[in-house]
Amino acid sequence: MHNAAPPLDIVHNLDQHRFETTVDGMHGEAMYQRLGNTLHLVHTEVAPALEGRGIAGALVEAMLDYAAASGFKVIPQCSYVRAWMRRHPETQALLAPGARV
């Protein structure tokens, strides 16, 4: 369930292979590496002052939406992404063969 936070302005920085946002002047990002038709979800980070506001989850959701829309499978290497996908089993259809959450 999403919290009542205002919608985030999430930008897909294709050149840097990440989804990013700025909230209250602080940065958050979810980074990936693309190998063929697979996205390796490698790192999610938000400023400590922003934790608990659903920002990291929104970044992961944007990254997974991109993967789904583009026909990519994912390998969640980031512990946060794995935990988020465990809490959202509907996203697990995106897992690459052999990938685990």
PDB file of N, CA and C in Angstrom:
ATOM      1  N   MET A   1       0.845  -1.174   0.000  1.00  0.00           N
ATOM      2  CA  MET A   1       0.000   0.000   0.000  1.00  0.00           C
ATOM      3  C   MET A   1       0.892   1.239   0.000  1.00  0.00           C
ATOM      4  N   HIS A   2       0.581   2.192  -0.834  1.00  0.00           N
ATOM      5  CA  HIS A   2       1.388   3.405  -0.917  1.00  0.00           C
ATOM      6  C   HIS A   2       0.985   4.375   0.179  1.00  0.00           C
ATOM      7  N   ASN A   3       1.976   5.139   0.654  1.00  0.00           N
ATOM      8  CA  ASN A   3       1.655   6.137   1.672  1.00  0.00           C
ATOM      9  C   ASN A   3       1.073   7.368   0.992  1.00  0.00           C
ATOM     10  N   ALA A   4       0.715   8.368   1.763  1.00  0.00           N
ATOM     11  CA  ALA A   4       0.034   9.548   1.233  1.00  0.00           C
ATOM     12  C   ALA A   4       1.014  10.647   0.826  1.00  0.00           C
ATOM     13  N   ALA A   5       2.255  10.302   0.610  1.00  0.00           N
ATOM     14  CA  ALA A   5       3.253  11.303   0.207  1.00  0.00           C
ATOM     15  C   ALA A   5       2.886  11.856  -1.163  1.00  0.00           C
ATOM     16  N   PRO A   6       3.258  13.114  -1.423  1.00  0.00           N
ATOM     17  CA  PRO A   6       2.977  13.668  -2.750  1.00  0.00           C
ATOM     18  C   PRO A   6       3.731  12.886  -3.816  1.00  0.00           C
ATOM     19  N   PRO A   7       3.214  12.899  -5.056  1.00  0.00           N
ATOM     20  CA  PRO A   7       3.902  12.164  -6.117  1.00  0.00           C
ATOM     21  C   PRO A   7       5.326  12.672  -6.303  1.00  0.00           C
ATOM     22  N   LEU A   8       6.201  11.750  -6.611  1.00  0.00           N
ATOM     23  CA  LEU A   8       7.604  12.105  -6.813  1.00  0.00           C
ATOM     24  C   LEU A   8       7.863  12.396  -8.279  1.00  0.00           C
ATOM     25  N   ASP A   9       8.803  13.275  -8.532  1.00  0.00           N
ATOM     26  CA  ASP A   9       9.277  13.525  -9.884  1.00  0.00           C
ATOM     27  C   ASP A   9      10.487  12.623 -10.092  1.00  0.00           C
ATOM     28  N   ILE A  10      10.240  11.438 -10.638  1.00  0.00           N
ATOM     29  CA  ILE A  10      11.313  10.460 -10.856  1.00  0.00           C
ATOM     30  C   ILE A  10      11.769  10.554 -12.301  1.00  0.00           C
ATOM     31  N   VAL A  11      13.059  10.694 -12.479  1.00  0.00           N
ATOM     32  CA  VAL A  11      13.657  10.843 -13.798  1.00  0.00           C
ATOM     33  C   VAL A  11      14.476   9.596 -14.111  1.00  0.00           C
ATOM     34  N   HIS A  12      14.314   9.073 -15.327  1.00  0.00           N
ATOM     35  CA  HIS A  12      15.160   7.966 -15.771  1.00  0.00           C
ATOM     36  C   HIS A  12      16.376   8.576 -16.457  1.00  0.00           C
ATOM     37  N   ASN A  13      17.518   8.513 -15.804  1.00  0.00           N
ATOM     38  CA  ASN A  13      18.774   9.007 -16.355  1.00  0.00           C
ATOM     39  C   ASN A  13      19.403   7.850 -17.121  1.00  0.00           C
ATOM     40  N   LEU A  14      19.041   7.755 -18.397  1.00  0.00           N
ATOM     41  CA  LEU A  14      19.458   6.622 -19.220  1.00  0.00           C
ATOM     42  C   LEU A  14      20.978   6.540 -19.356  1.00  0.00           C
ATOM     43  N   ASP A  15      21.640   7.695 -19.497  1.00  0.00           N
ATOM     44  CA  ASP A  15      23.097   7.708 -19.653  1.00  0.00           C
ATOM     45  C   ASP A  15      23.813   7.168 -18.421  1.00  0.00           C
ATOM     46  N   GLN A  16      23.251   7.423 -17.233  1.00  0.00           N
ATOM     47  CA  GLN A  16      23.877   6.986 -15.989  1.00  0.00           C
ATOM     48  C   GLN A  16      23.278   5.679 -15.456  1.00  0.00           C
ATOM     49  N   HIS A  17      22.312   5.114 -16.172  1.00  0.00           N
ATOM     50  CA  HIS A  17      21.681   3.834 -15.789  1.00  0.00           C
ATOM     51  C   HIS A  17      21.082   3.899 -14.392  1.00  0.00           C
ATOM     52  N   ARG A  18      20.253   4.911 -14.183  1.00  0.00           N
ATOM     53  CA  ARG A  18      19.620   5.020 -12.867  1.00  0.00           C
ATOM     54  C   ARG A  18      18.319   5.815 -12.958  1.00  0.00           C
ATOM     55  N   PHE A  19      17.484   5.578 -11.957  1.00  0.00           N
ATOM     56  CA  PHE A  19      16.282   6.369 -11.739  1.00  0.00           C
ATOM     57  C   PHE A  19      16.590   7.261 -10.550  1.00  0.00           C
ATOM     58  N   GLU A  20      16.234   8.540 -10.657  1.00  0.00           N
ATOM     59  CA  GLU A  20      16.615   9.464  -9.595  1.00  0.00           C
ATOM     60  C   GLU A  20      15.503  10.458  -9.306  1.00  0.00           C
ATOM     61  N   THR A  21      15.559  10.989  -8.107  1.00  0.00           N
ATOM     62  CA  THR A  21      14.615  11.999  -7.681  1.00  0.00           C
ATOM     63  C   THR A  21      15.294  12.903  -6.663  1.00  0.00           C
ATOM     64  N   THR A  22      14.756  14.080  -6.515  1.00  0.00           N
ATOM     65  CA  THR A  22      15.226  15.007  -5.491  1.00  0.00           C
ATOM     66  C   THR A  22      14.021  15.430  -4.662  1.00  0.00           C
ATOM     67  N   VAL A  23      14.137  15.272  -3.346  1.00  0.00           N
ATOM     68  CA  VAL A  23      13.070  15.633  -2.415  1.00  0.00           C
ATOM     69  C   VAL A  23      13.683  16.506  -1.335  1.00  0.00           C
ATOM     70  N   ASP A  24      13.093  17.658  -1.115  1.00  0.00           N
ATOM     71  CA  ASP A  24      13.598  18.588  -0.090  1.00  0.00           C
ATOM     72  C   ASP A  24      15.088  18.858  -0.283  1.00  0.00           C
ATOM     73  N   GLY A  25      15.526  18.937  -1.531  1.00  0.00           N
ATOM     74  CA  GLY A  25      16.924  19.224  -1.840  1.00  0.00           C
ATOM     75  C   GLY A  25      17.864  18.042  -1.673  1.00  0.00           C
ATOM     76  N   MET A  26      17.318  16.860  -1.346  1.00  0.00           N
ATOM     77  CA  MET A  26      18.147  15.676  -1.142  1.00  0.00           C
ATOM     78  C   MET A  26      17.877  14.656  -2.245  1.00  0.00           C
ATOM     79  N   HIS A  27      18.898  13.897  -2.580  1.00  0.00           N
ATOM     80  CA  HIS A  27      18.880  13.009  -3.736  1.00  0.00           C
ATOM     81  C   HIS A  27      18.581  11.566  -3.341  1.00  0.00           C
ATOM     82  N   GLY A  28      17.873  10.883  -4.217  1.00  0.00           N
ATOM     83  CA  GLY A  28      17.671   9.442  -4.090  1.00  0.00           C
ATOM     84  C   GLY A  28      17.851   8.815  -5.456  1.00  0.00           C
ATOM     85  N   GLU A  29      18.342   7.573  -5.485  1.00  0.00           N
ATOM     86  CA  GLU A  29      18.564   6.928  -6.772  1.00  0.00           C
ATOM     87  C   GLU A  29      18.479   5.416  -6.650  1.00  0.00           C
ATOM     88  N   ALA A  30      18.120   4.802  -7.780  1.00  0.00           N
ATOM     89  CA  ALA A  30      18.120   3.348  -7.928  1.00  0.00           C
ATOM     90  C   ALA A  30      18.888   3.061  -9.210  1.00  0.00           C
ATOM     91  N   MET A  31      19.986   2.330  -9.081  1.00  0.00           N
ATOM     92  CA  MET A  31      20.893   2.118 -10.209  1.00  0.00           C
ATOM     93  C   MET A  31      20.798   0.687 -10.735  1.00  0.00           C
ATOM     94  N   TYR A  32      21.047   0.561 -12.034  1.00  0.00           N
ATOM     95  CA  TYR A  32      21.037  -0.741 -12.678  1.00  0.00           C
ATOM     96  C   TYR A  32      22.154  -0.816 -13.706  1.00  0.00           C
ATOM     97  N   GLN A  33      22.457  -2.035 -14.112  1.00  0.00           N
ATOM     98  CA  GLN A  33      23.354  -2.292 -15.236  1.00  0.00           C
ATOM     99  C   GLN A  33      22.570  -3.149 -16.211  1.00  0.00           C
ATOM    100  N   ARG A  34      22.657  -2.820 -17.486  1.00  0.00           N
ATOM    101  CA  ARG A  34      21.957  -3.612 -18.495  1.00  0.00           C
ATOM    102  C   ARG A  34      22.941  -4.539 -19.182  1.00  0.00           C
ATOM    103  N   LEU A  35      22.606  -5.810 -19.188  1.00  0.00           N
ATOM    104  CA  LEU A  35      23.378  -6.814 -19.912  1.00  0.00           C
ATOM    105  C   LEU A  35      22.401  -7.549 -20.809  1.00  0.00           C
ATOM    106  N   GLY A  36      22.453  -7.255 -22.104  1.00  0.00           N
ATOM    107  CA  GLY A  36      21.510  -7.857 -23.029  1.00  0.00           C
ATOM    108  C   GLY A  36      20.096  -7.433 -22.684  1.00  0.00           C
ATOM    109  N   ASN A  37      19.223  -8.416 -22.473  1.00  0.00           N
ATOM    110  CA  ASN A  37      17.840  -8.132 -22.116  1.00  0.00           C
ATOM    111  C   ASN A  37      17.582  -8.297 -20.629  1.00  0.00           C
ATOM    112  N   THR A  38      18.645  -8.139 -19.837  1.00  0.00           N
ATOM    113  CA  THR A  38      18.538  -8.285 -18.391  1.00  0.00           C
ATOM    114  C   THR A  38      19.035  -7.017 -17.703  1.00  0.00           C
ATOM    115  N   LEU A  39      18.282  -6.568 -16.709  1.00  0.00           N
ATOM    116  CA  LEU A  39      18.727  -5.454 -15.881  1.00  0.00           C
ATOM    117  C   LEU A  39      19.188  -6.013 -14.544  1.00  0.00           C
ATOM    118  N   HIS A  40      20.426  -5.716 -14.194  1.00  0.00           N
ATOM    119  CA  HIS A  40      20.963  -6.059 -12.880  1.00  0.00           C
ATOM    120  C   HIS A  40      20.702  -4.842 -11.988  1.00  0.00           C
ATOM    121  N   LEU A  41      19.850  -5.023 -11.000  1.00  0.00           N
ATOM    122  CA  LEU A  41      19.461  -3.924 -10.110  1.00  0.00           C
ATOM    123  C   LEU A  41      20.472  -3.888  -8.973  1.00  0.00           C
ATOM    124  N   VAL A  42      21.398  -2.927  -9.056  1.00  0.00           N
ATOM    125  CA  VAL A  42      22.602  -3.011  -8.239  1.00  0.00           C
ATOM    126  C   VAL A  42      22.610  -2.176  -6.971  1.00  0.00           C
ATOM    127  N   HIS A  43      21.856  -1.084  -6.913  1.00  0.00           N
ATOM    128  CA  HIS A  43      21.972  -0.235  -5.718  1.00  0.00           C
ATOM    129  C   HIS A  43      20.793   0.716  -5.630  1.00  0.00           C
ATOM    130  N   THR A  44      20.288   0.903  -4.423  1.00  0.00           N
ATOM    131  CA  THR A  44      19.238   1.881  -4.145  1.00  0.00           C
ATOM    132  C   THR A  44      19.697   2.698  -2.946  1.00  0.00           C
ATOM    133  N   GLU A  45      19.576   3.999  -3.067  1.00  0.00           N
ATOM    134  CA  GLU A  45      20.034   4.856  -1.974  1.00  0.00           C
ATOM    135  C   GLU A  45      19.186   6.130  -1.900  1.00  0.00           C
ATOM    136  N   VAL A  46      18.790   6.471  -0.682  1.00  0.00           N
ATOM    137  CA  VAL A  46      18.172   7.774  -0.428  1.00  0.00           C
ATOM    138  C   VAL A  46      18.884   8.394   0.759  1.00  0.00           C
ATOM    139  N   ALA A  47      18.837   9.707   0.822  1.00  0.00           N
ATOM    140  CA  ALA A  47      19.451  10.407   1.950  1.00  0.00           C
ATOM    141  C   ALA A  47      18.801   9.931   3.246  1.00  0.00           C
ATOM    142  N   PRO A  48      19.587   9.763   4.317  1.00  0.00           N
ATOM    143  CA  PRO A  48      19.021   9.268   5.581  1.00  0.00           C
ATOM    144  C   PRO A  48      17.802  10.069   6.053  1.00  0.00           C
ATOM    145  N   ALA A  49      17.794  11.371   5.809  1.00  0.00           N
ATOM    146  CA  ALA A  49      16.669  12.201   6.248  1.00  0.00           C
ATOM    147  C   ALA A  49      15.381  11.873   5.488  1.00  0.00           C
ATOM    148  N   LEU A  50      15.501  11.184   4.365  1.00  0.00           N
ATOM    149  CA  LEU A  50      14.327  10.850   3.550  1.00  0.00           C
ATOM    150  C   LEU A  50      13.811   9.443   3.802  1.00  0.00           C
ATOM    151  N   GLU A  51      14.532   8.662   4.592  1.00  0.00           N
ATOM    152  CA  GLU A  51      14.136   7.273   4.822  1.00  0.00           C
ATOM    153  C   GLU A  51      12.764   7.197   5.482  1.00  0.00           C
ATOM    154  N   GLY A  52      12.029   6.140   5.146  1.00  0.00           N
ATOM    155  CA  GLY A  52      10.716   5.918   5.746  1.00  0.00           C
ATOM    156  C   GLY A  52       9.591   6.655   5.052  1.00  0.00           C
ATOM    157  N   ARG A  53       9.873   7.299   3.931  1.00  0.00           N
ATOM    158  CA  ARG A  53       8.845   8.075   3.223  1.00  0.00           C
ATOM    159  C   ARG A  53       8.415   7.413   1.920  1.00  0.00           C
ATOM    160  N   GLY A  54       8.876   6.195   1.667  1.00  0.00           N
ATOM    161  CA  GLY A  54       8.468   5.469   0.474  1.00  0.00           C
ATOM    162  C   GLY A  54       9.206   5.859  -0.789  1.00  0.00           C
ATOM    163  N   ILE A  55      10.267   6.646  -0.651  1.00  0.00           N
ATOM    164  CA  ILE A  55      10.979   7.149  -1.823  1.00  0.00           C
ATOM    165  C   ILE A  55      11.773   6.043  -2.509  1.00  0.00           C
ATOM    166  N   ALA A  56      12.500   5.258  -1.732  1.00  0.00           N
ATOM    167  CA  ALA A  56      13.269   4.160  -2.322  1.00  0.00           C
ATOM    168  C   ALA A  56      12.331   3.181  -3.013  1.00  0.00           C
ATOM    169  N   GLY A  57      11.214   2.887  -2.404  1.00  0.00           N
ATOM    170  CA  GLY A  57      10.241   1.983  -3.007  1.00  0.00           C
ATOM    171  C   GLY A  57       9.695   2.527  -4.321  1.00  0.00           C
ATOM    172  N   ALA A  58       9.443   3.829  -4.367  1.00  0.00           N
ATOM    173  CA  ALA A  58       8.951   4.445  -5.599  1.00  0.00           C
ATOM    174  C   ALA A  58      10.003   4.372  -6.700  1.00  0.00           C
ATOM    175  N   LEU A  59      11.269   4.527  -6.331  1.00  0.00           N
ATOM    176  CA  LEU A  59      12.352   4.415  -7.316  1.00  0.00           C
ATOM    177  C   LEU A  59      12.444   2.989  -7.854  1.00  0.00           C
ATOM    178  N   VAL A  60      12.349   2.014  -6.962  1.00  0.00           N
ATOM    179  CA  VAL A  60      12.392   0.613  -7.381  1.00  0.00           C
ATOM    180  C   VAL A  60      11.192   0.302  -8.271  1.00  0.00           C
ATOM    181  N   GLU A  61      10.020   0.791  -7.897  1.00  0.00           N
ATOM    182  CA  GLU A  61       8.825   0.556  -8.695  1.00  0.00           C
ATOM    183  C   GLU A  61       8.989   1.146 -10.099  1.00  0.00           C
ATOM    184  N   ALA A  62       9.561   2.345 -10.203  1.00  0.00           N
ATOM    185  CA  ALA A  62       9.794   2.965 -11.511  1.00  0.00           C
ATOM    186  C   ALA A  62      10.762   2.124 -12.337  1.00  0.00           C
ATOM    187  N   MET A  63      11.799   1.606 -11.682  1.00  0.00           N
ATOM    188  CA  MET A  63      12.789   0.785 -12.367  1.00  0.00           C
ATOM    189  C   MET A  63      12.146  -0.510 -12.872  1.00  0.00           C
ATOM    190  N   LEU A  64      11.313  -1.137 -12.054  1.00  0.00           N
ATOM    191  CA  LEU A  64      10.646  -2.371 -12.460  1.00  0.00           C
ATOM    192  C   LEU A  64       9.604  -2.114 -13.541  1.00  0.00           C
ATOM    193  N   ASP A  65       8.911  -0.973 -13.466  1.00  0.00           N
ATOM    194  CA  ASP A  65       7.960  -0.611 -14.522  1.00  0.00           C
ATOM    195  C   ASP A  65       8.687  -0.456 -15.854  1.00  0.00           C
ATOM    196  N   TYR A  66       9.859   0.160 -15.814  1.00  0.00           N
ATOM    197  CA  TYR A  66      10.670   0.314 -17.024  1.00  0.00           C
ATOM    198  C   TYR A  66      11.070  -1.057 -17.574  1.00  0.00           C
ATOM    199  N   ALA A  67      11.505  -1.943 -16.692  1.00  0.00           N
ATOM    200  CA  ALA A  67      11.898  -3.291 -17.125  1.00  0.00           C
ATOM    201  C   ALA A  67      10.720  -3.995 -17.792  1.00  0.00           C
ATOM    202  N   ALA A  68       9.559  -3.925 -17.172  1.00  0.00           N
ATOM    203  CA  ALA A  68       8.377  -4.595 -17.714  1.00  0.00           C
ATOM    204  C   ALA A  68       7.982  -4.002 -19.066  1.00  0.00           C
ATOM    205  N   ALA A  69       7.959  -2.682 -19.158  1.00  0.00           N
ATOM    206  CA  ALA A  69       7.550  -2.016 -20.395  1.00  0.00           C
ATOM    207  C   ALA A  69       8.532  -2.282 -21.530  1.00  0.00           C
ATOM    208  N   SER A  70       9.794  -2.536 -21.170  1.00  0.00           N
ATOM    209  CA  SER A  70      10.841  -2.730 -22.178  1.00  0.00           C
ATOM    210  C   SER A  70      11.098  -4.197 -22.492  1.00  0.00           C
ATOM    211  N   GLY A  71      10.413  -5.095 -21.792  1.00  0.00           N
ATOM    212  CA  GLY A  71      10.596  -6.520 -22.032  1.00  0.00           C
ATOM    213  C   GLY A  71      11.852  -7.090 -21.408  1.00  0.00           C
ATOM    214  N   PHE A  72      12.415  -6.409 -20.393  1.00  0.00           N
ATOM    215  CA  PHE A  72      13.617  -6.898 -19.725  1.00  0.00           C
ATOM    216  C   PHE A  72      13.246  -7.792 -18.550  1.00  0.00           C
ATOM    217  N   LYS A  73      14.120  -8.726 -18.246  1.00  0.00           N
ATOM    218  CA  LYS A  73      14.057  -9.484 -17.007  1.00  0.00           C
ATOM    219  C   LYS A  73      15.036  -8.823 -16.035  1.00  0.00           C
ATOM    220  N   VAL A  74      14.883  -9.102 -14.742  1.00  0.00           N
ATOM    221  CA  VAL A  74      15.725  -8.438 -13.748  1.00  0.00           C
ATOM    222  C   VAL A  74      16.438  -9.444 -12.858  1.00  0.00           C
ATOM    223  N   ILE A  75      17.609  -9.027 -12.394  1.00  0.00           N
ATOM    224  CA  ILE A  75      18.361  -9.753 -11.371  1.00  0.00           C
ATOM    225  C   ILE A  75      18.592  -8.763 -10.238  1.00  0.00           C
ATOM    226  N   PRO A  76      17.855  -8.914  -9.137  1.00  0.00           N
ATOM    227  CA  PRO A  76      18.000  -7.976  -8.025  1.00  0.00           C
ATOM    228  C   PRO A  76      19.237  -8.294  -7.194  1.00  0.00           C
ATOM    229  N   GLN A  77      20.288  -7.500  -7.372  1.00  0.00           N
ATOM    230  CA  GLN A  77      21.513  -7.683  -6.600  1.00  0.00           C
ATOM    231  C   GLN A  77      21.486  -6.843  -5.324  1.00  0.00           C
ATOM    232  N   CYS A  78      20.693  -5.799  -5.322  1.00  0.00           N
ATOM    233  CA  CYS A  78      20.566  -4.897  -4.173  1.00  0.00           C
ATOM    234  C   CYS A  78      19.641  -5.535  -3.135  1.00  0.00           C
ATOM    235  N   SER A  79      20.068  -5.552  -1.880  1.00  0.00           N
ATOM    236  CA  SER A  79      19.263  -6.179  -0.829  1.00  0.00           C
ATOM    237  C   SER A  79      17.922  -5.466  -0.660  1.00  0.00           C
ATOM    238  N   TYR A  80      17.896  -4.155  -0.846  1.00  0.00           N
ATOM    239  CA  TYR A  80      16.628  -3.423  -0.719  1.00  0.00           C
ATOM    240  C   TYR A  80      15.659  -3.861  -1.819  1.00  0.00           C
ATOM    241  N   VAL A  81      16.151  -3.976  -3.049  1.00  0.00           N
ATOM    242  CA  VAL A  81      15.293  -4.391  -4.166  1.00  0.00           C
ATOM    243  C   VAL A  81      14.751  -5.792  -3.915  1.00  0.00           C
ATOM    244  N   ARG A  82      15.599  -6.699  -3.436  1.00  0.00           N
ATOM    245  CA  ARG A  82      15.130  -8.061  -3.139  1.00  0.00           C
ATOM    246  C   ARG A  82      14.008  -8.033  -2.105  1.00  0.00           C
ATOM    247  N   ALA A  83      14.214  -7.273  -1.040  1.00  0.00           N
ATOM    248  CA  ALA A  83      13.204  -7.182   0.018  1.00  0.00           C
ATOM    249  C   ALA A  83      11.911  -6.560  -0.525  1.00  0.00           C
ATOM    250  N   TRP A  84      12.034  -5.524  -1.348  1.00  0.00           N
ATOM    251  CA  TRP A  84      10.860  -4.854  -1.910  1.00  0.00           C
ATOM    252  C   TRP A  84      10.093  -5.824  -2.797  1.00  0.00           C
ATOM    253  N   MET A  85      10.806  -6.593  -3.608  1.00  0.00           N
ATOM    254  CA  MET A  85      10.146  -7.550  -4.496  1.00  0.00           C
ATOM    255  C   MET A  85       9.498  -8.687  -3.709  1.00  0.00           C
ATOM    256  N   ARG A  86      10.069  -9.065  -2.569  1.00  0.00           N
ATOM    257  CA  ARG A  86       9.426 -10.084  -1.721  1.00  0.00           C
ATOM    258  C   ARG A  86       8.087  -9.557  -1.204  1.00  0.00           C
ATOM    259  N   ARG A  87       8.041  -8.264  -0.887  1.00  0.00           N
ATOM    260  CA  ARG A  87       6.798  -7.661  -0.383  1.00  0.00           C
ATOM    261  C   ARG A  87       5.785  -7.402  -1.497  1.00  0.00           C
ATOM    262  N   HIS A  88       6.216  -7.473  -2.746  1.00  0.00           N
ATOM    263  CA  HIS A  88       5.349  -7.220  -3.904  1.00  0.00           C
ATOM    264  C   HIS A  88       5.482  -8.402  -4.875  1.00  0.00           C
ATOM    265  N   PRO A  89       4.883  -9.545  -4.503  1.00  0.00           N
ATOM    266  CA  PRO A  89       5.082 -10.762  -5.294  1.00  0.00           C
ATOM    267  C   PRO A  89       4.661 -10.626  -6.754  1.00  0.00           C
ATOM    268  N   GLU A  90       3.778  -9.677  -7.059  1.00  0.00           N
ATOM    269  CA  GLU A  90       3.362  -9.499  -8.451  1.00  0.00           C
ATOM    270  C   GLU A  90       4.530  -9.075  -9.346  1.00  0.00           C
ATOM    271  N   THR A  91       5.616  -8.567  -8.753  1.00  0.00           N
ATOM    272  CA  THR A  91       6.773  -8.143  -9.541  1.00  0.00           C
ATOM    273  C   THR A  91       7.718  -9.309  -9.851  1.00  0.00           C
ATOM    274  N   GLN A  92       7.523 -10.444  -9.200  1.00  0.00           N
ATOM    275  CA  GLN A  92       8.476 -11.531  -9.327  1.00  0.00           C
ATOM    276  C   GLN A  92       8.443 -12.212 -10.688  1.00  0.00           C
ATOM    277  N   ALA A  93       7.409 -11.959 -11.493  1.00  0.00           N
ATOM    278  CA  ALA A  93       7.368 -12.474 -12.854  1.00  0.00           C
ATOM    279  C   ALA A  93       8.471 -11.848 -13.706  1.00  0.00           C
ATOM    280  N   LEU A  94       9.036 -10.731 -13.229  1.00  0.00           N
ATOM    281  CA  LEU A  94      10.116 -10.059 -13.952  1.00  0.00           C
ATOM    282  C   LEU A  94      11.484 -10.698 -13.707  1.00  0.00           C
ATOM    283  N   LEU A  95      11.570 -11.600 -12.747  1.00  0.00           N
ATOM    284  CA  LEU A  95      12.856 -12.196 -12.401  1.00  0.00           C
ATOM    285  C   LEU A  95      13.439 -12.982 -13.582  1.00  0.00           C
ATOM    286  N   ALA A  96      14.724 -12.798 -13.819  1.00  0.00           N
ATOM    287  CA  ALA A  96      15.430 -13.590 -14.830  1.00  0.00           C
ATOM    288  C   ALA A  96      15.519 -15.027 -14.343  1.00  0.00           C
ATOM    289  N   PRO A  97      15.623 -15.989 -15.257  1.00  0.00           N
ATOM    290  CA  PRO A  97      15.743 -17.388 -14.839  1.00  0.00           C
ATOM    291  C   PRO A  97      16.899 -17.557 -13.844  1.00  0.00           C
ATOM    292  N   GLY A  98      16.598 -18.209 -12.725  1.00  0.00           N
ATOM    293  CA  GLY A  98      17.604 -18.455 -11.705  1.00  0.00           C
ATOM    294  C   GLY A  98      17.757 -17.345 -10.680  1.00  0.00           C
ATOM    295  N   ALA A  99      17.171 -16.169 -10.938  1.00  0.00           N
ATOM    296  CA  ALA A  99      17.275 -15.057  -9.987  1.00  0.00           C
ATOM    297  C   ALA A  99      16.349 -15.299  -8.806  1.00  0.00           C
ATOM    298  N   ARG A 100      16.748 -14.843  -7.642  1.00  0.00           N
ATOM    299  CA  ARG A 100      15.973 -15.034  -6.420  1.00  0.00           C
ATOM    300  C   ARG A 100      15.783 -13.692  -5.704  1.00  0.00           C
ATOM    301  N   VAL A 101      14.702 -13.636  -4.914  1.00  0.00           N
ATOM    302  CA  VAL A 101      14.477 -12.454  -4.059  1.00  0.00           C
ATOM    303  C   VAL A 101      14.598 -12.826  -2.607  1.00  0.00           C
TER     304      VAL A 101
END
